């Protein structure tokens, strides 16, 4: 909740600042849009400043909530308590006599195993004691283990820091919380702060260090580039065959009532089925080798490309077809010079969607008995709770996916310059 509020606050401040500056420079209303292509995606281009602020904000939040050294310390969220803490407990024995002792708690990093602190047991029948608790953790402390009267003798803890406590209750201290279990044992839970534990979210520099390490040394017998290459190869091959079958199928459905009626139920039935739901069936049909992964990606791209091609053909203005026929064009000339060029914008949109779906599906496909690939890296790392590798893989997948989309946009602008021009 807190990160979301901070994100929204930064968004609002950035928006207000940028638009205030630009409003002073000139007009910025709907009349500034390109009227011819107002309804097209190209009418509104991404604001570079907004993109930069967006990326910086994400990394800033990441560093703030992980205590990153890349972010100034005064911006860090409160971290977990670490160091030496003390609390007093009051115990009452079976005769009704009470005594008070002090417990010294050393809260240490979880990757360290320090020695317990030495304490003077004191003169009363309730003895001073020590305990070790890791940060972001809690620990049961049997405070009566060295007392003259223990729980087995009928003694019980009745107060912590002068505040009454009973089984199921708790007392707040300046370093955290002390609760009592149903059996009367104290559970010491130091304050965790607002920073994320590295096992849940490592810092940006930890992820970058892991990326550097894997890029130099590889991961499970393959280099980082081999893992990425295998994933890209599977996506490209699966998408290629999906487009090879899906585009002609979509054209046929867009041009023929018979083909539309025959294949429409199949396409519309398979379109909402997630590719991941097909994994068990594909494994049964094609096994767990490369063929199964390619088939899954083929099916992921097939229906999207078929629908895109069908929509492209259906969106061609009939006036253009009539104009071509009036000029003496043959059926194949109309197909080549009118239908195909005018359907290309829809095809490229479908291709971008299909590539995104394939790139997301390949990760899941590689979770099943793959020896190389980005998905395999994430799967293996998750088993050993190597969160830095998991996040590294996610970022790598996102960056590559974004790069693929950018390349397809560039190809679309180069191959279909008439998009949005009527």
Foldseek 3Di string as FASTA:
>chain_A
DVLVVVLVVLLVVQVVVVVVVVVVVDDDDPVVWDVLQCVPPVRDDDDPSSVVSNVVSVLLSLCQQAVDPVHDPVSHFDAFDFAKDKKKWWKAFPVRDIDIEMEIEGAAAPVDDDDWDDDAQDDDQQGYYYYYHYAVGKDWDLSCPRGNGHVVRVMATQDMNRHGADAPGWDADPFGIWHAHNSRIIMGHGGGTRHDDVLVRHHPVVLVVVVVVQQVVNDLPHGPVQQAVVLVVLLVLLLVLLLVQQLVLLLCLQPDVVSVVVCVVVLVVLVVPQLLVCLVVLCVVPNLDSVSSSVSLNSLLNSLLSNLNNVQQNPFDVVVVVVCVVVPDDPVRCVVPGRVLSSVVSNLVSSLVSSLSSLVVSLVSCLRPHSGHLNVQLNVCVVVSVVSSNVSSVVVSVVVSVVVSVVSVVVCCVVNVCPSVD
